[in-house]
Amino acid sequence: MLARHVALVSQTRHVGLDQLAVAAAAVQKQITRDFGPIWQIEADIAAFGKLSDVPLGYWPIIIRDDIHEQGAAGIHLNRRNGQPFALVQFSDNWTLTVSHECLEMLADPSGNRTQAGNSVADGQGRVEFLVEVCDPSEAVQFAYSANGVLVSDFYTPNFFDPVAASGVRYSFTGAITQPRQVLDGGYLSWFDPETEHLFQQFVDGGRSQIVDRGAVTADFANLRELSDRHSADHRRKAMTREAPKHLLLTNTIPNEKHHRRAGSLDKAQEANAKMIEALMSLVRGSTNPSG
């Protein structure tokens, strides 16, 4: 299995290299511990000071003040050589967006990966669902923490099962409880081979709506780009809401609005750092310069 390499780069003054390193470590833990074993994907992510530092072969995720995608919190695209990259709009929940874009880029680098299944729309039979692993449970209230940093929930391959079964995990956090379920703030996209149209289901405030986006044309590079363009406002609204209180206490990355919100975690980390510093002092004090 070939490992995939992801680079995290900031082009905003709001996110420094130290913050990128914390975020990269959190998403790396999510990939290694949670996402990789479920989706059979090996990947690593590293923080870099600038885009020109990123080695060839890495898939960059770039955080900017303005990604020039109206209403979007993040978007992943493909370069001319087919290699993917992602743009993330800076917000208080930027680590959630980074996690979301990273996992979806790893699961579907080309933007055209689909999975056949029974449509959720009345009157449709079998359709091809776009594999966007974070979209149905993308809203901040369904996120969780890794290393105390906000990361995205994601569905498992069982999400496309034909029927629900007891004891089956449909998303990592368990928020999704049955196949093809869309949670509040989330959405689902699929291609109908009979009409050659793209369809999307949105859930907002508990209300579900299915929208026919029309025929899939060559105007877009892939299905993912078409889907993203039609769902930007919905995604931004879901992912930039204020996080629930129990998650507000887990985001240890400082920003201008909430400076080191995770007081209890910060104290634990600071105490651990002080302990290591003290041990290093003992080592230095006992070192024989002539030894």
Protein backbone atom coordinates (compact mmCIF):
# COMPACT_ATOMS: atom_id res chain seq x y z
CA MET A 1 0.00 0.00 0.00
CA LEU A 2 1.48 3.34 -1.07
CA ALA A 3 1.44 6.02 1.61
CA ARG A 4 0.00 9.40 0.74
CA HIS A 5 1.73 12.57 1.87
CA VAL A 6 -0.14 15.74 2.87
CA ALA A 7 1.35 19.19 3.51
CA LEU A 8 -0.26 21.84 5.72
CA VAL A 9 0.63 25.44 4.84
CA SER A 10 -0.62 28.77 6.20
CA GLN A 11 -0.90 31.89 4.08
CA THR A 12 -2.70 33.87 6.78
CA ARG A 13 -1.15 35.78 9.68
CA HIS A 14 -3.81 34.25 11.94
CA VAL A 15 -2.15 30.81 11.85
CA GLY A 16 1.54 30.48 12.59
CA LEU A 17 3.84 27.53 12.04
CA ASP A 18 3.55 26.50 15.71
CA GLN A 19 -0.22 26.30 15.33
CA LEU A 20 0.13 24.36 12.08
CA ALA A 21 2.36 21.84 13.85
CA VAL A 22 -0.27 21.28 16.56
CA ALA A 23 -3.00 20.84 13.95
CA ALA A 24 -0.86 18.50 11.83
CA ALA A 25 -0.13 16.30 14.85
CA ALA A 26 -3.85 16.08 15.65
CA VAL A 27 -4.88 15.18 12.11
CA GLN A 28 -2.00 12.68 11.92
CA LYS A 29 -3.35 10.96 15.01
CA GLN A 30 -6.83 10.95 13.47
CA ILE A 31 -5.50 9.38 10.27
CA THR A 32 -3.33 6.78 12.01
CA ARG A 33 -5.70 5.82 14.81
CA ASP A 34 -9.20 6.39 13.38
CA PHE A 35 -9.47 6.95 9.64
CA GLY A 36 -6.67 4.82 8.19
CA PRO A 37 -7.65 1.47 9.71
CA ILE A 38 -11.28 1.90 8.68
CA TRP A 39 -10.61 3.02 5.10
CA GLN A 40 -7.36 1.04 4.60
CA ILE A 41 -5.38 4.18 3.79
CA GLU A 42 -1.87 5.05 4.94
CA ALA A 43 -0.94 8.73 5.00
CA ASP A 44 1.17 11.28 6.79
CA ILE A 45 0.70 15.03 7.22
CA ALA A 46 3.35 17.63 8.01
CA ALA A 47 3.41 21.40 8.53
CA PHE A 48 5.56 23.64 6.30
CA GLY A 49 6.45 27.32 6.61
CA LYS A 50 5.61 28.22 3.01
CA LEU A 51 4.29 26.59 -0.13
CA SER A 52 7.71 26.54 -1.79
CA ASP A 53 8.99 24.36 1.09
CA VAL A 54 6.53 21.57 0.23
CA PRO A 55 8.32 18.59 -1.39
CA LEU A 56 7.15 17.24 -4.73
CA GLY A 57 4.56 14.52 -4.34
CA TYR A 58 2.85 16.08 -1.31
CA TRP A 59 -0.79 17.12 -1.49
CA PRO A 60 -1.02 20.62 0.02
CA ILE A 61 -3.78 22.02 2.20
CA ILE A 62 -3.46 25.81 2.22
CA ILE A 63 -5.13 28.03 4.83
CA ARG A 64 -5.95 31.53 3.61
CA ASP A 65 -7.97 34.57 4.65
CA ASP A 66 -9.89 34.39 1.37
CA ILE A 67 -10.07 31.27 -0.81
CA HIS A 68 -12.21 33.08 -3.43
CA GLU A 69 -14.96 30.49 -3.24
CA GLN A 70 -18.08 32.38 -2.22
CA GLY A 71 -19.54 31.00 0.99
CA ALA A 72 -17.17 28.03 1.20
CA ALA A 73 -15.26 27.02 4.35
CA GLY A 74 -13.00 24.80 2.27
CA ILE A 75 -12.68 23.15 -1.10
CA HIS A 76 -10.45 20.48 -2.62
CA LEU A 77 -9.41 20.62 -6.26
CA ASN A 78 -7.01 18.96 -8.68
CA ARG A 79 -3.96 20.36 -10.41
CA ARG A 80 -3.34 19.90 -14.14
CA ASN A 81 -1.32 16.76 -13.41
CA GLY A 82 -4.26 15.27 -11.50
CA GLN A 83 -2.70 15.70 -8.06
CA PRO A 84 -5.15 17.05 -5.48
CA PHE A 85 -4.85 20.09 -3.23
CA ALA A 86 -7.23 21.85 -0.84
CA LEU A 87 -7.98 25.41 0.22
CA VAL A 88 -9.26 26.26 3.71
CA GLN A 89 -10.83 29.58 4.65
CA PHE A 90 -9.58 30.75 8.04
CA SER A 91 -12.24 30.70 10.78
CA ASP A 92 -12.42 29.87 14.48
CA ASN A 93 -13.00 26.23 13.45
CA TRP A 94 -10.22 26.07 10.85
CA THR A 95 -8.87 22.77 12.22
CA LEU A 96 -12.27 21.15 11.62
CA THR A 97 -12.13 22.27 7.98
CA VAL A 98 -8.53 21.07 7.61
CA SER A 99 -9.51 17.65 8.94
CA HIS A 100 -12.58 17.52 6.68
CA GLU A 101 -10.67 18.43 3.52
CA CYS A 102 -7.76 16.14 4.36
CA LEU A 103 -9.87 13.03 4.93
CA GLU A 104 -11.96 13.61 1.82
CA MET A 105 -8.85 14.21 -0.29
CA LEU A 106 -7.33 10.96 0.99
CA ALA A 107 -10.49 8.95 0.33
CA ASP A 108 -11.06 10.40 -3.14
CA PRO A 109 -8.01 12.10 -4.68
CA SER A 110 -9.57 12.28 -8.16
CA GLY A 111 -12.92 13.75 -7.12
CA ASN A 112 -14.86 11.16 -9.11
CA ARG A 113 -15.00 8.18 -6.76
CA THR A 114 -18.53 6.84 -6.49
CA GLN A 115 -20.29 3.99 -4.72
CA ALA A 116 -23.44 2.37 -6.09
CA GLY A 117 -26.41 2.21 -3.77
CA ASN A 118 -30.14 2.63 -3.42
CA SER A 119 -31.20 6.25 -3.85
CA VAL A 120 -32.68 8.17 -0.92
CA ALA A 121 -35.03 9.94 -3.38
CA ASP A 122 -38.48 8.56 -4.10
CA GLY A 123 -38.83 7.20 -7.61
CA GLN A 124 -35.12 6.57 -8.15
CA GLY A 125 -33.50 3.17 -8.12
CA ARG A 126 -29.78 2.51 -8.01
CA VAL A 127 -27.55 5.56 -8.22
CA GLU A 128 -23.87 6.43 -7.83
CA PHE A 129 -23.10 8.25 -4.58
CA LEU A 130 -20.12 10.58 -4.56
CA VAL A 131 -17.68 9.39 -1.89
CA GLU A 132 -17.37 12.47 0.35
CA VAL A 133 -16.68 10.87 3.71
CA CYS A 134 -17.31 13.93 5.92
CA ASP A 135 -20.29 15.62 4.23
CA PRO A 136 -23.27 13.85 5.88
CA SER A 137 -22.00 14.61 9.41
CA GLU A 138 -19.84 17.66 8.65
CA ALA A 139 -21.49 20.07 11.11
CA VAL A 140 -19.43 21.18 14.09
CA GLN A 141 -21.80 19.59 16.62
CA PHE A 142 -20.80 16.14 15.35
CA ALA A 143 -17.04 16.79 15.48
CA TYR A 144 -14.70 15.26 18.04
CA SER A 145 -11.21 15.97 19.31
CA ALA A 146 -7.77 14.49 18.67
CA ASN A 147 -4.98 15.74 20.93
CA GLY A 148 -7.54 18.26 22.14
CA VAL A 149 -8.00 19.68 18.63
CA LEU A 150 -11.31 19.84 16.77
CA VAL A 151 -11.51 17.29 13.91
CA SER A 152 -14.29 16.05 11.65
CA ASP A 153 -16.49 13.00 11.97
CA PHE A 154 -16.49 10.74 8.88
CA TYR A 155 -18.59 7.87 7.63
CA THR A 156 -17.38 4.31 7.22
CA PRO A 157 -17.72 2.07 4.11
CA ASN A 158 -20.83 0.60 5.78
CA PHE A 159 -22.54 3.93 5.13
CA PHE A 160 -23.53 2.52 1.73
CA ASP A 161 -24.98 -0.76 3.06
CA PRO A 162 -28.43 -1.60 1.64
CA VAL A 163 -30.08 -1.95 5.06
CA ALA A 164 -29.31 -1.07 8.66
CA ALA A 165 -27.94 -3.74 10.97
CA SER A 166 -27.37 -3.78 14.71
CA GLY A 167 -23.83 -3.31 15.92
CA VAL A 168 -22.62 -1.73 12.67
CA ARG A 169 -20.64 1.51 12.76
CA TYR A 170 -21.81 3.99 10.12
CA SER A 171 -19.66 6.93 11.20
CA PHE A 172 -16.64 7.11 13.44
CA THR A 173 -18.37 8.93 16.30
CA GLY A 174 -21.58 6.91 15.93
CA ALA A 175 -23.56 10.05 15.14
CA ILE A 176 -24.80 8.43 11.90
CA THR A 177 -26.94 5.48 12.88
CA GLN A 178 -28.08 4.04 9.56
CA PRO A 179 -26.98 3.80 5.91
CA ARG A 180 -27.13 6.97 3.78
CA GLN A 181 -28.34 9.08 6.72
CA VAL A 182 -27.71 12.83 6.48
CA LEU A 183 -27.46 14.68 9.80
CA ASP A 184 -28.50 18.25 10.50
CA GLY A 185 -26.13 20.59 8.66
CA GLY A 186 -24.88 17.81 6.38
CA TYR A 187 -25.55 16.80 2.80
CA LEU A 188 -25.21 13.93 0.32
CA SER A 189 -24.55 14.01 -3.44
CA TRP A 190 -25.21 11.40 -6.12
CA PHE A 191 -25.30 10.89 -9.87
CA ASP A 192 -28.42 9.37 -11.44
CA PRO A 193 -27.33 7.34 -14.52
CA GLU A 194 -30.87 7.37 -15.94
CA THR A 195 -31.19 11.17 -16.16
CA GLU A 196 -27.43 11.94 -16.01
CA HIS A 197 -28.25 14.57 -13.39
CA LEU A 198 -26.52 15.39 -10.12
CA PHE A 199 -28.79 15.30 -7.08
CA GLN A 200 -28.13 16.54 -3.54
CA GLN A 201 -29.93 16.05 -0.25
CA PHE A 202 -29.56 18.78 2.38
CA VAL A 203 -30.72 18.71 6.00
CA ASP A 204 -31.04 22.02 7.81
CA GLY A 205 -32.90 22.55 11.06
CA GLY A 206 -34.22 19.00 10.85
CA ARG A 207 -35.79 19.62 7.43
CA SER A 208 -34.66 17.52 4.47
CA GLN A 209 -34.59 18.80 0.90
CA ILE A 210 -33.54 17.03 -2.30
CA VAL A 211 -32.37 19.25 -5.16
CA ASP A 212 -31.91 18.30 -8.82
CA ARG A 213 -28.76 20.13 -10.00
CA GLY A 214 -29.32 19.26 -13.64
CA ALA A 215 -27.18 17.46 -16.16
CA VAL A 216 -23.52 16.80 -15.42
CA THR A 217 -21.54 18.59 -18.11
CA ALA A 218 -17.87 19.00 -19.01
CA ASP A 219 -17.83 22.49 -17.44
CA PHE A 220 -16.46 21.00 -14.22
CA ALA A 221 -13.31 18.94 -13.78
CA ASN A 222 -15.06 16.26 -11.71
CA LEU A 223 -18.23 15.45 -9.78
CA ARG A 224 -16.73 16.72 -6.53
CA GLU A 225 -16.12 20.21 -7.94
CA LEU A 226 -19.71 20.40 -9.20
CA SER A 227 -21.03 19.17 -5.85
CA ASP A 228 -18.88 21.62 -3.88
CA ARG A 229 -19.95 24.63 -5.92
CA HIS A 230 -23.61 23.88 -5.26
CA SER A 231 -23.15 23.28 -1.52
CA ALA A 232 -20.68 25.98 -0.45
CA ASP A 233 -23.08 28.09 1.63
CA HIS A 234 -24.55 25.05 3.35
CA ARG A 235 -21.09 23.72 4.25
CA ARG A 236 -19.83 27.05 5.57
CA LYS A 237 -22.90 27.50 7.77
CA ALA A 238 -22.58 24.00 9.25
CA MET A 239 -18.83 24.05 9.85
CA THR A 240 -18.35 27.58 11.20
CA ARG A 241 -21.01 27.51 13.90
CA GLU A 242 -19.94 27.92 17.51
CA ALA A 243 -18.76 24.53 18.72
CA PRO A 244 -20.65 22.81 21.56
CA LYS A 245 -19.34 23.59 25.04
CA HIS A 246 -17.73 20.20 25.52
CA LEU A 247 -15.77 20.73 22.30
CA LEU A 248 -14.89 24.34 23.07
CA LEU A 249 -12.88 22.94 25.95
CA THR A 250 -10.82 20.77 23.63
CA ASN A 251 -9.41 23.17 21.04
CA THR A 252 -5.96 24.04 22.34
CA ILE A 253 -4.89 26.06 19.30
CA PRO A 254 -4.86 29.80 20.09
CA ASN A 255 -6.54 32.36 17.89
CA GLU A 256 -7.50 36.00 18.18
CA LYS A 257 -11.05 35.43 19.42
CA HIS A 258 -10.51 32.54 21.82
CA HIS A 259 -6.98 32.58 23.18
CA ARG A 260 -6.14 29.04 24.28
CA ARG A 261 -9.71 28.07 25.03
CA ALA A 262 -8.83 24.71 26.55
CA GLY A 263 -7.73 25.86 29.97
CA SER A 264 -7.64 22.43 31.59
CA LEU A 265 -5.76 20.87 28.70
CA ASP A 266 -3.32 23.78 28.56
CA LYS A 267 -2.52 23.36 32.24
CA ALA A 268 -1.90 19.65 31.76
CA GLN A 269 0.36 20.27 28.78
CA GLU A 270 2.22 23.05 30.59
CA ALA A 271 2.67 20.82 33.65
CA ASN A 272 4.03 18.05 31.45
CA ALA A 273 6.42 20.48 29.75
CA LYS A 274 7.65 21.74 33.14
CA MET A 275 8.25 18.18 34.30
CA ILE A 276 10.35 17.44 31.19
CA GLU A 277 12.25 20.71 31.66
CA ALA A 278 12.98 19.75 35.27
CA LEU A 279 14.23 16.32 34.21
CA MET A 280 16.45 17.90 31.57
CA SER A 281 17.87 20.23 34.22
CA LEU A 282 18.76 17.23 36.36
CA VAL A 283 20.44 15.57 33.39
CA ARG A 284 22.39 18.71 32.57
CA GLY A 285 23.34 19.16 36.23
CA SER A 286 24.69 15.62 36.52
CA THR A 287 26.60 15.68 33.24
CA ASN A 288 30.34 15.54 33.59
CA PRO A 289 31.77 18.06 31.08
CA SER A 290 34.99 16.04 30.85
CA GLY A 291 33.20 12.75 30.43
